[in-house]
């Protein structure tokens, strides 16, 4: 059976009435609150390397995150994190 008004690619599915193809109502716009100026995030990492390689990888990681807009929270041990193999945050 051929449907004169139905395109050939829709024939196996049957030709739905035209009103089903058109949306019955328009999608409503939702109101979203303004995002904050900054987020508080903690990054966990693991660098398994000897001391010199660890410092190089740590500095590359800090540079990468700085390029994304991350800022390190000031602390007492921030300058030692590159040398401490147990440091993970």
PDB file of N, CA and C in Angstrom:
ATOM      1  N   UNK A   1       0.835  -1.158   0.000  1.00  0.00           N
ATOM      2  CA  UNK A   1       0.000   0.000   0.000  1.00  0.00           C
ATOM      3  C   UNK A   1       0.892   1.237   0.000  1.00  0.00           C
ATOM      4  N   UNK A   2       0.620   2.168  -0.857  1.00  0.00           N
ATOM      5  CA  UNK A   2       1.406   3.400  -0.969  1.00  0.00           C
ATOM      6  C   UNK A   2       0.617   4.564  -0.395  1.00  0.00           C
ATOM      7  N   UNK A   3       1.356   5.417   0.310  1.00  0.00           N
ATOM      8  CA  UNK A   3       0.770   6.649   0.834  1.00  0.00           C
ATOM      9  C   UNK A   3       1.328   7.800   0.014  1.00  0.00           C
ATOM     10  N   UNK A   4       0.487   8.479  -0.672  1.00  0.00           N
ATOM     11  CA  UNK A   4       0.933   9.557  -1.545  1.00  0.00           C
ATOM     12  C   UNK A   4       1.496  10.729  -0.744  1.00  0.00           C
ATOM     13  N   UNK A   5       0.991  10.972   0.462  1.00  0.00           N
ATOM     14  CA  UNK A   5       1.453  12.116   1.245  1.00  0.00           C
ATOM     15  C   UNK A   5       2.571  11.754   2.208  1.00  0.00           C
ATOM     16  N   UNK A   6       2.945  10.517   2.282  1.00  0.00           N
ATOM     17  CA  UNK A   6       3.954  10.066   3.234  1.00  0.00           C
ATOM     18  C   UNK A   6       5.289   9.864   2.523  1.00  0.00           C
ATOM     19  N   UNK A   7       6.374  10.496   2.997  1.00  0.00           N
ATOM     20  CA  UNK A   7       7.677  10.266   2.383  1.00  0.00           C
ATOM     21  C   UNK A   7       8.074   8.798   2.526  1.00  0.00           C
ATOM     22  N   UNK A   8       8.876   8.321   1.586  1.00  0.00           N
ATOM     23  CA  UNK A   8       9.236   6.901   1.571  1.00  0.00           C
ATOM     24  C   UNK A   8      10.004   6.475   2.820  1.00  0.00           C
ATOM     25  N   UNK A   9      10.746   7.366   3.482  1.00  0.00           N
ATOM     26  CA  UNK A   9      11.505   6.958   4.657  1.00  0.00           C
ATOM     27  C   UNK A   9      10.611   6.773   5.883  1.00  0.00           C
ATOM     28  N   UNK A  10       9.385   7.301   5.866  1.00  0.00           N
ATOM     29  CA  UNK A  10       8.470   7.146   6.992  1.00  0.00           C
ATOM     30  C   UNK A  10       7.477   6.016   6.788  1.00  0.00           C
ATOM     31  N   UNK A  11       7.439   5.414   5.636  1.00  0.00           N
ATOM     32  CA  UNK A  11       6.464   4.356   5.357  1.00  0.00           C
ATOM     33  C   UNK A  11       6.568   3.173   6.303  1.00  0.00           C
ATOM     34  N   UNK A  12       7.773   2.697   6.641  1.00  0.00           N
ATOM     35  CA  UNK A  12       7.811   1.550   7.554  1.00  0.00           C
ATOM     36  C   UNK A  12       7.222   1.873   8.935  1.00  0.00           C
ATOM     37  N   UNK A  13       7.291   3.117   9.355  1.00  0.00           N
ATOM     38  CA  UNK A  13       6.767   3.503  10.662  1.00  0.00           C
ATOM     39  C   UNK A  13       5.294   3.858  10.620  1.00  0.00           C
ATOM     40  N   UNK A  14       4.787   4.011   9.444  1.00  0.00           N
ATOM     41  CA  UNK A  14       3.436   4.530   9.303  1.00  0.00           C
ATOM     42  C   UNK A  14       3.518   6.032   9.270  1.00  0.00           C
ATOM     43  N   UNK A  15       2.608   6.649   8.665  1.00  0.00           N
ATOM     44  CA  UNK A  15       2.660   8.103   8.533  1.00  0.00           C
ATOM     45  C   UNK A  15       1.846   8.735   9.653  1.00  0.00           C
ATOM     46  N   UNK A  16       2.485   9.348  10.641  1.00  0.00           N
ATOM     47  CA  UNK A  16       1.718   9.981  11.719  1.00  0.00           C
ATOM     48  C   UNK A  16       1.001  11.221  11.203  1.00  0.00           C
ATOM     49  N   UNK A  17      -0.081  11.559  11.823  1.00  0.00           N
ATOM     50  CA  UNK A  17      -0.782  12.784  11.413  1.00  0.00           C
ATOM     51  C   UNK A  17       0.126  14.004  11.599  1.00  0.00           C
ATOM     52  N   UNK A  18      -0.098  15.024  10.818  1.00  0.00           N
ATOM     53  CA  UNK A  18       0.754  16.217  10.834  1.00  0.00           C
ATOM     54  C   UNK A  18       0.753  16.891  12.195  1.00  0.00           C
ATOM     55  N   UNK A  19      -0.325  16.834  12.920  1.00  0.00           N
ATOM     56  CA  UNK A  19      -0.375  17.504  14.220  1.00  0.00           C
ATOM     57  C   UNK A  19       0.564  16.855  15.232  1.00  0.00           C
ATOM     58  N   UNK A  20       0.923  15.598  15.062  1.00  0.00           N
ATOM     59  CA  UNK A  20       1.854  14.952  15.972  1.00  0.00           C
ATOM     60  C   UNK A  20       3.297  15.363  15.689  1.00  0.00           C
ATOM     61  N   UNK A  21       3.573  15.805  14.506  1.00  0.00           N
ATOM     62  CA  UNK A  21       4.918  16.224  14.161  1.00  0.00           C
ATOM     63  C   UNK A  21       5.249  17.597  14.726  1.00  0.00           C
ATOM     64  N   UNK A  22       4.257  18.443  14.878  1.00  0.00           N
ATOM     65  CA  UNK A  22       4.479  19.796  15.391  1.00  0.00           C
ATOM     66  C   UNK A  22       4.344  19.780  16.913  1.00  0.00           C
ATOM     67  N   UNK A  23       5.174  20.539  17.618  1.00  0.00           N
ATOM     68  CA  UNK A  23       5.041  20.580  19.072  1.00  0.00           C
ATOM     69  C   UNK A  23       3.725  21.228  19.471  1.00  0.00           C
ATOM     70  N   UNK A  24       3.121  20.711  20.516  1.00  0.00           N
ATOM     71  CA  UNK A  24       1.829  21.233  20.946  1.00  0.00           C
ATOM     72  C   UNK A  24       1.968  22.492  21.788  1.00  0.00           C
ATOM     73  N   UNK A  25       3.121  22.674  22.391  1.00  0.00           N
ATOM     74  CA  UNK A  25       3.343  23.882  23.180  1.00  0.00           C
ATOM     75  C   UNK A  25       4.819  24.237  23.121  1.00  0.00           C
ATOM     76  N   UNK A  26       5.122  25.493  23.333  1.00  0.00           N
ATOM     77  CA  UNK A  26       6.508  25.950  23.290  1.00  0.00           C
ATOM     78  C   UNK A  26       7.178  25.651  24.627  1.00  0.00           C
ATOM     79  N   UNK A  27       8.446  25.361  24.580  1.00  0.00           N
ATOM     80  CA  UNK A  27       9.197  25.100  25.807  1.00  0.00           C
ATOM     81  C   UNK A  27       9.332  26.393  26.607  1.00  0.00           C
ATOM     82  N   UNK A  28       9.119  26.301  27.900  1.00  0.00           N
ATOM     83  CA  UNK A  28       9.194  27.475  28.758  1.00  0.00           C
ATOM     84  C   UNK A  28      10.652  27.771  29.104  1.00  0.00           C
ATOM     85  N   UNK A  29      10.968  29.031  29.260  1.00  0.00           N
ATOM     86  CA  UNK A  29      12.310  29.415  29.684  1.00  0.00           C
ATOM     87  C   UNK A  29      12.370  29.326  31.207  1.00  0.00           C
ATOM     88  N   UNK A  30      13.411  28.737  31.707  1.00  0.00           N
ATOM     89  CA  UNK A  30      13.565  28.628  33.153  1.00  0.00           C
ATOM     90  C   UNK A  30      14.541  29.685  33.642  1.00  0.00           C
ATOM     91  N   UNK A  31      14.294  30.185  34.829  1.00  0.00           N
ATOM     92  CA  UNK A  31      15.177  31.178  35.425  1.00  0.00           C
ATOM     93  C   UNK A  31      16.237  30.444  36.231  1.00  0.00           C
ATOM     94  N   UNK A  32      17.469  30.836  36.016  1.00  0.00           N
ATOM     95  CA  UNK A  32      18.606  30.210  36.692  1.00  0.00           C
ATOM     96  C   UNK A  32      19.324  31.286  37.494  1.00  0.00           C
ATOM     97  N   UNK A  33      19.696  30.990  38.743  1.00  0.00           N
ATOM     98  CA  UNK A  33      20.417  32.006  39.514  1.00  0.00           C
ATOM     99  C   UNK A  33      21.787  32.291  38.912  1.00  0.00           C
ATOM    100  N   UNK A  34      22.281  33.481  39.166  1.00  0.00           N
ATOM    101  CA  UNK A  34      23.588  33.889  38.671  1.00  0.00           C
ATOM    102  C   UNK A  34      24.671  33.041  39.339  1.00  0.00           C
ATOM    103  N   UNK A  35      25.624  32.522  38.566  1.00  0.00           N
ATOM    104  CA  UNK A  35      26.683  31.711  39.183  1.00  0.00           C
ATOM    105  C   UNK A  35      27.567  32.566  40.086  1.00  0.00           C
ATOM    106  N   UNK A  36      28.191  31.956  41.090  1.00  0.00           N
ATOM    107  CA  UNK A  36      29.046  32.732  41.999  1.00  0.00           C
ATOM    108  C   UNK A  36      30.299  33.229  41.295  1.00  0.00           C
ATOM    109  N   UNK A  37      30.923  34.219  41.885  1.00  0.00           N
ATOM    110  CA  UNK A  37      32.158  34.780  41.334  1.00  0.00           C
ATOM    111  C   UNK A  37      33.279  33.745  41.329  1.00  0.00           C
ATOM    112  N   UNK A  38      33.351  32.955  42.391  1.00  0.00           N
ATOM    113  CA  UNK A  38      34.416  31.954  42.509  1.00  0.00           C
ATOM    114  C   UNK A  38      33.863  30.716  43.218  1.00  0.00           C
ATOM    115  N   UNK A  39      34.465  29.598  42.956  1.00  0.00           N
ATOM    116  CA  UNK A  39      34.092  28.343  43.598  1.00  0.00           C
ATOM    117  C   UNK A  39      35.223  27.910  44.529  1.00  0.00           C
ATOM    118  N   UNK A  40      34.878  27.167  45.564  1.00  0.00           N
ATOM    119  CA  UNK A  40      35.869  26.600  46.469  1.00  0.00           C
ATOM    120  C   UNK A  40      36.004  25.126  46.101  1.00  0.00           C
ATOM    121  N   UNK A  41      37.150  24.752  45.557  1.00  0.00           N
ATOM    122  CA  UNK A  41      37.363  23.373  45.110  1.00  0.00           C
ATOM    123  C   UNK A  41      38.664  22.840  45.686  1.00  0.00           C
ATOM    124  N   UNK A  42      38.681  21.544  45.936  1.00  0.00           N
ATOM    125  CA  UNK A  42      39.906  20.882  46.369  1.00  0.00           C
ATOM    126  C   UNK A  42      40.287  19.882  45.294  1.00  0.00           C
ATOM    127  N   UNK A  43      41.545  19.894  44.908  1.00  0.00           N
ATOM    128  CA  UNK A  43      42.054  18.989  43.883  1.00  0.00           C
ATOM    129  C   UNK A  43      42.942  17.964  44.561  1.00  0.00           C
ATOM    130  N   UNK A  44      42.635  16.696  44.341  1.00  0.00           N
ATOM    131  CA  UNK A  44      43.492  15.623  44.858  1.00  0.00           C
ATOM    132  C   UNK A  44      44.339  15.103  43.719  1.00  0.00           C
ATOM    133  N   UNK A  45      45.588  14.811  44.016  1.00  0.00           N
ATOM    134  CA  UNK A  45      46.513  14.348  42.994  1.00  0.00           C
ATOM    135  C   UNK A  45      47.450  13.309  43.599  1.00  0.00           C
ATOM    136  N   UNK A  46      48.100  12.570  42.747  1.00  0.00           N
ATOM    137  CA  UNK A  46      49.122  11.619  43.176  1.00  0.00           C
ATOM    138  C   UNK A  46      50.230  11.648  42.148  1.00  0.00           C
ATOM    139  N   UNK A  47      51.431  11.913  42.603  1.00  0.00           N
ATOM    140  CA  UNK A  47      52.607  11.915  41.728  1.00  0.00           C
ATOM    141  C   UNK A  47      53.573  10.878  42.275  1.00  0.00           C
ATOM    142  N   UNK A  48      53.696   9.768  41.568  1.00  0.00           N
ATOM    143  CA  UNK A  48      54.641   8.715  41.954  1.00  0.00           C
ATOM    144  C   UNK A  48      55.897   8.876  41.110  1.00  0.00           C
ATOM    145  N   UNK A  49      56.866   9.590  41.656  1.00  0.00           N
ATOM    146  CA  UNK A  49      58.114   9.837  40.937  1.00  0.00           C
ATOM    147  C   UNK A  49      59.204  10.149  41.953  1.00  0.00           C
ATOM    148  N   UNK A  50      60.450  10.082  41.502  1.00  0.00           N
ATOM    149  CA  UNK A  50      61.541  10.459  42.406  1.00  0.00           C
ATOM    150  C   UNK A  50      61.494  11.975  42.630  1.00  0.00           C
ATOM    151  N   UNK A  51      62.341  12.475  43.499  1.00  0.00           N
ATOM    152  CA  UNK A  51      62.251  13.866  43.949  1.00  0.00           C
ATOM    153  C   UNK A  51      62.317  14.888  42.815  1.00  0.00           C
ATOM    154  N   UNK A  52      63.304  14.777  41.943  1.00  0.00           N
ATOM    155  CA  UNK A  52      63.458  15.767  40.876  1.00  0.00           C
ATOM    156  C   UNK A  52      62.292  15.712  39.886  1.00  0.00           C
ATOM    157  N   UNK A  53      61.913  14.506  39.494  1.00  0.00           N
ATOM    158  CA  UNK A  53      60.795  14.374  38.550  1.00  0.00           C
ATOM    159  C   UNK A  53      59.488  14.821  39.195  1.00  0.00           C
ATOM    160  N   UNK A  54      59.332  14.557  40.483  1.00  0.00           N
ATOM    161  CA  UNK A  54      58.130  14.972  41.194  1.00  0.00           C
ATOM    162  C   UNK A  54      57.994  16.492  41.188  1.00  0.00           C
ATOM    163  N   UNK A  55      59.100  17.193  41.435  1.00  0.00           N
ATOM    164  CA  UNK A  55      59.054  18.659  41.451  1.00  0.00           C
ATOM    165  C   UNK A  55      58.678  19.183  40.070  1.00  0.00           C
ATOM    166  N   UNK A  56      59.233  18.601  39.009  1.00  0.00           N
ATOM    167  CA  UNK A  56      58.902  19.038  37.646  1.00  0.00           C
ATOM    168  C   UNK A  56      57.429  18.802  37.332  1.00  0.00           C
ATOM    169  N   UNK A  57      56.921  17.624  37.687  1.00  0.00           N
ATOM    170  CA  UNK A  57      55.509  17.313  37.420  1.00  0.00           C
ATOM    171  C   UNK A  57      54.588  18.183  38.271  1.00  0.00           C
ATOM    172  N   UNK A  58      54.980  18.444  39.514  1.00  0.00           N
ATOM    173  CA  UNK A  58      54.176  19.291  40.392  1.00  0.00           C
ATOM    174  C   UNK A  58      54.096  20.708  39.837  1.00  0.00           C
ATOM    175  N   UNK A  59      55.220  21.262  39.412  1.00  0.00           N
ATOM    176  CA  UNK A  59      55.219  22.614  38.853  1.00  0.00           C
ATOM    177  C   UNK A  59      54.406  22.694  37.564  1.00  0.00           C
ATOM    178  N   UNK A  60      54.469  21.655  36.730  1.00  0.00           N
ATOM    179  CA  UNK A  60      53.666  21.624  35.513  1.00  0.00           C
ATOM    180  C   UNK A  60      52.171  21.571  35.856  1.00  0.00           C
ATOM    181  N   UNK A  61      51.809  20.804  36.894  1.00  0.00           N
ATOM    182  CA  UNK A  61      50.414  20.714  37.327  1.00  0.00           C
ATOM    183  C   UNK A  61      49.921  22.064  37.843  1.00  0.00           C
ATOM    184  N   UNK A  62      50.737  22.724  38.667  1.00  0.00           N
ATOM    185  CA  UNK A  62      50.360  24.036  39.217  1.00  0.00           C
ATOM    186  C   UNK A  62      50.190  25.050  38.079  1.00  0.00           C
ATOM    187  N   UNK A  63      51.067  25.015  37.113  1.00  0.00           N
ATOM    188  CA  UNK A  63      50.973  25.929  35.968  1.00  0.00           C
ATOM    189  C   UNK A  63      49.706  25.656  35.163  1.00  0.00           C
ATOM    190  N   UNK A  64      49.383  24.379  34.948  1.00  0.00           N
ATOM    191  CA  UNK A  64      48.174  24.007  34.200  1.00  0.00           C
ATOM    192  C   UNK A  64      46.926  24.502  34.911  1.00  0.00           C
ATOM    193  N   UNK A  65      46.813  24.215  36.223  1.00  0.00           N
ATOM    194  CA  UNK A  65      45.637  24.652  36.973  1.00  0.00           C
ATOM    195  C   UNK A  65      45.564  26.166  37.059  1.00  0.00           C
ATOM    196  N   UNK A  66      46.711  26.839  37.149  1.00  0.00           N
ATOM    197  CA  UNK A  66      46.720  28.300  37.152  1.00  0.00           C
ATOM    198  C   UNK A  66      46.194  28.861  35.837  1.00  0.00           C
ATOM    199  N   UNK A  67      46.512  28.200  34.728  1.00  0.00           N
ATOM    200  CA  UNK A  67      46.000  28.618  33.425  1.00  0.00           C
ATOM    201  C   UNK A  67      44.495  28.459  33.309  1.00  0.00           C
ATOM    202  N   UNK A  68      43.923  27.525  34.085  1.00  0.00           N
ATOM    203  CA  UNK A  68      42.471  27.332  34.088  1.00  0.00           C
ATOM    204  C   UNK A  68      41.758  28.304  35.021  1.00  0.00           C
ATOM    205  N   UNK A  69      42.522  29.064  35.798  1.00  0.00           N
ATOM    206  CA  UNK A  69      41.926  30.042  36.703  1.00  0.00           C
ATOM    207  C   UNK A  69      41.926  29.615  38.159  1.00  0.00           C
ATOM    208  N   UNK A  70      42.524  28.464  38.474  1.00  0.00           N
ATOM    209  CA  UNK A  70      42.604  28.036  39.861  1.00  0.00           C
ATOM    210  C   UNK A  70      43.634  28.879  40.600  1.00  0.00           C
ATOM    211  N   UNK A  71      43.346  29.162  41.864  1.00  0.00           N
ATOM    212  CA  UNK A  71      44.285  29.895  42.717  1.00  0.00           C
ATOM    213  C   UNK A  71      44.507  29.074  43.969  1.00  0.00           C
ATOM    214  N   UNK A  72      45.770  28.926  44.348  1.00  0.00           N
ATOM    215  CA  UNK A  72      46.108  28.125  45.518  1.00  0.00           C
ATOM    216  C   UNK A  72      45.759  28.880  46.792  1.00  0.00           C
ATOM    217  N   UNK A  73      45.152  28.182  47.734  1.00  0.00           N
ATOM    218  CA  UNK A  73      44.836  28.777  49.022  1.00  0.00           C
ATOM    219  C   UNK A  73      46.120  28.905  49.830  1.00  0.00           C
ATOM    220  N   UNK A  74      46.409  30.083  50.364  1.00  0.00           N
ATOM    221  CA  UNK A  74      47.640  30.245  51.143  1.00  0.00           C
ATOM    222  C   UNK A  74      47.629  29.344  52.378  1.00  0.00           C
ATOM    223  N   UNK A  75      48.771  28.751  52.659  1.00  0.00           N
ATOM    224  CA  UNK A  75      48.901  27.880  53.824  1.00  0.00           C
ATOM    225  C   UNK A  75      50.353  27.774  54.239  1.00  0.00           C
ATOM    226  N   UNK A  76      50.587  27.108  55.362  1.00  0.00           N
ATOM    227  CA  UNK A  76      51.940  26.999  55.887  1.00  0.00           C
ATOM    228  C   UNK A  76      52.821  26.083  55.039  1.00  0.00           C
ATOM    229  N   UNK A  77      52.256  24.974  54.549  1.00  0.00           N
ATOM    230  CA  UNK A  77      53.050  23.951  53.875  1.00  0.00           C
ATOM    231  C   UNK A  77      52.973  24.016  52.352  1.00  0.00           C
ATOM    232  N   UNK A  78      52.497  25.094  51.792  1.00  0.00           N
ATOM    233  CA  UNK A  78      52.354  25.174  50.330  1.00  0.00           C
ATOM    234  C   UNK A  78      53.692  25.045  49.605  1.00  0.00           C
ATOM    235  N   UNK A  79      54.741  25.604  50.177  1.00  0.00           N
ATOM    236  CA  UNK A  79      56.039  25.560  49.500  1.00  0.00           C
ATOM    237  C   UNK A  79      56.698  24.184  49.606  1.00  0.00           C
ATOM    238  N   UNK A  80      56.231  23.334  50.515  1.00  0.00           N
ATOM    239  CA  UNK A  80      56.814  22.006  50.691  1.00  0.00           C
ATOM    240  C   UNK A  80      56.064  20.914  49.927  1.00  0.00           C
ATOM    241  N   UNK A  81      54.899  21.207  49.391  1.00  0.00           N
ATOM    242  CA  UNK A  81      54.076  20.194  48.726  1.00  0.00           C
ATOM    243  C   UNK A  81      54.771  19.573  47.531  1.00  0.00           C
ATOM    244  N   UNK A  82      55.606  20.317  46.843  1.00  0.00           N
ATOM    245  CA  UNK A  82      56.302  19.782  45.675  1.00  0.00           C
ATOM    246  C   UNK A  82      57.315  18.706  46.066  1.00  0.00           C
ATOM    247  N   UNK A  83      57.819  18.763  47.286  1.00  0.00           N
ATOM    248  CA  UNK A  83      58.851  17.823  47.741  1.00  0.00           C
ATOM    249  C   UNK A  83      58.290  16.650  48.554  1.00  0.00           C
ATOM    250  N   UNK A  84      57.058  16.782  49.041  1.00  0.00           N
ATOM    251  CA  UNK A  84      56.481  15.779  49.932  1.00  0.00           C
ATOM    252  C   UNK A  84      55.747  14.699  49.139  1.00  0.00           C
ATOM    253  N   UNK A  85      56.256  13.449  49.125  1.00  0.00           N
ATOM    254  CA  UNK A  85      55.595  12.395  48.372  1.00  0.00           C
ATOM    255  C   UNK A  85      54.231  11.997  48.949  1.00  0.00           C
ATOM    256  N   UNK A  86      53.945  12.358  50.199  1.00  0.00           N
ATOM    257  CA  UNK A  86      52.655  12.048  50.801  1.00  0.00           C
ATOM    258  C   UNK A  86      51.610  13.127  50.536  1.00  0.00           C
ATOM    259  N   UNK A  87      52.018  14.268  50.013  1.00  0.00           N
ATOM    260  CA  UNK A  87      51.071  15.354  49.745  1.00  0.00           C
ATOM    261  C   UNK A  87      50.126  14.932  48.631  1.00  0.00           C
ATOM    262  N   UNK A  88      48.840  15.225  48.830  1.00  0.00           N
ATOM    263  CA  UNK A  88      47.856  14.827  47.826  1.00  0.00           C
ATOM    264  C   UNK A  88      46.771  15.867  47.582  1.00  0.00           C
ATOM    265  N   UNK A  89      46.830  17.017  48.247  1.00  0.00           N
ATOM    266  CA  UNK A  89      45.825  18.068  48.038  1.00  0.00           C
ATOM    267  C   UNK A  89      46.505  19.380  47.802  1.00  0.00           C
TER     268      UNK A  89
END
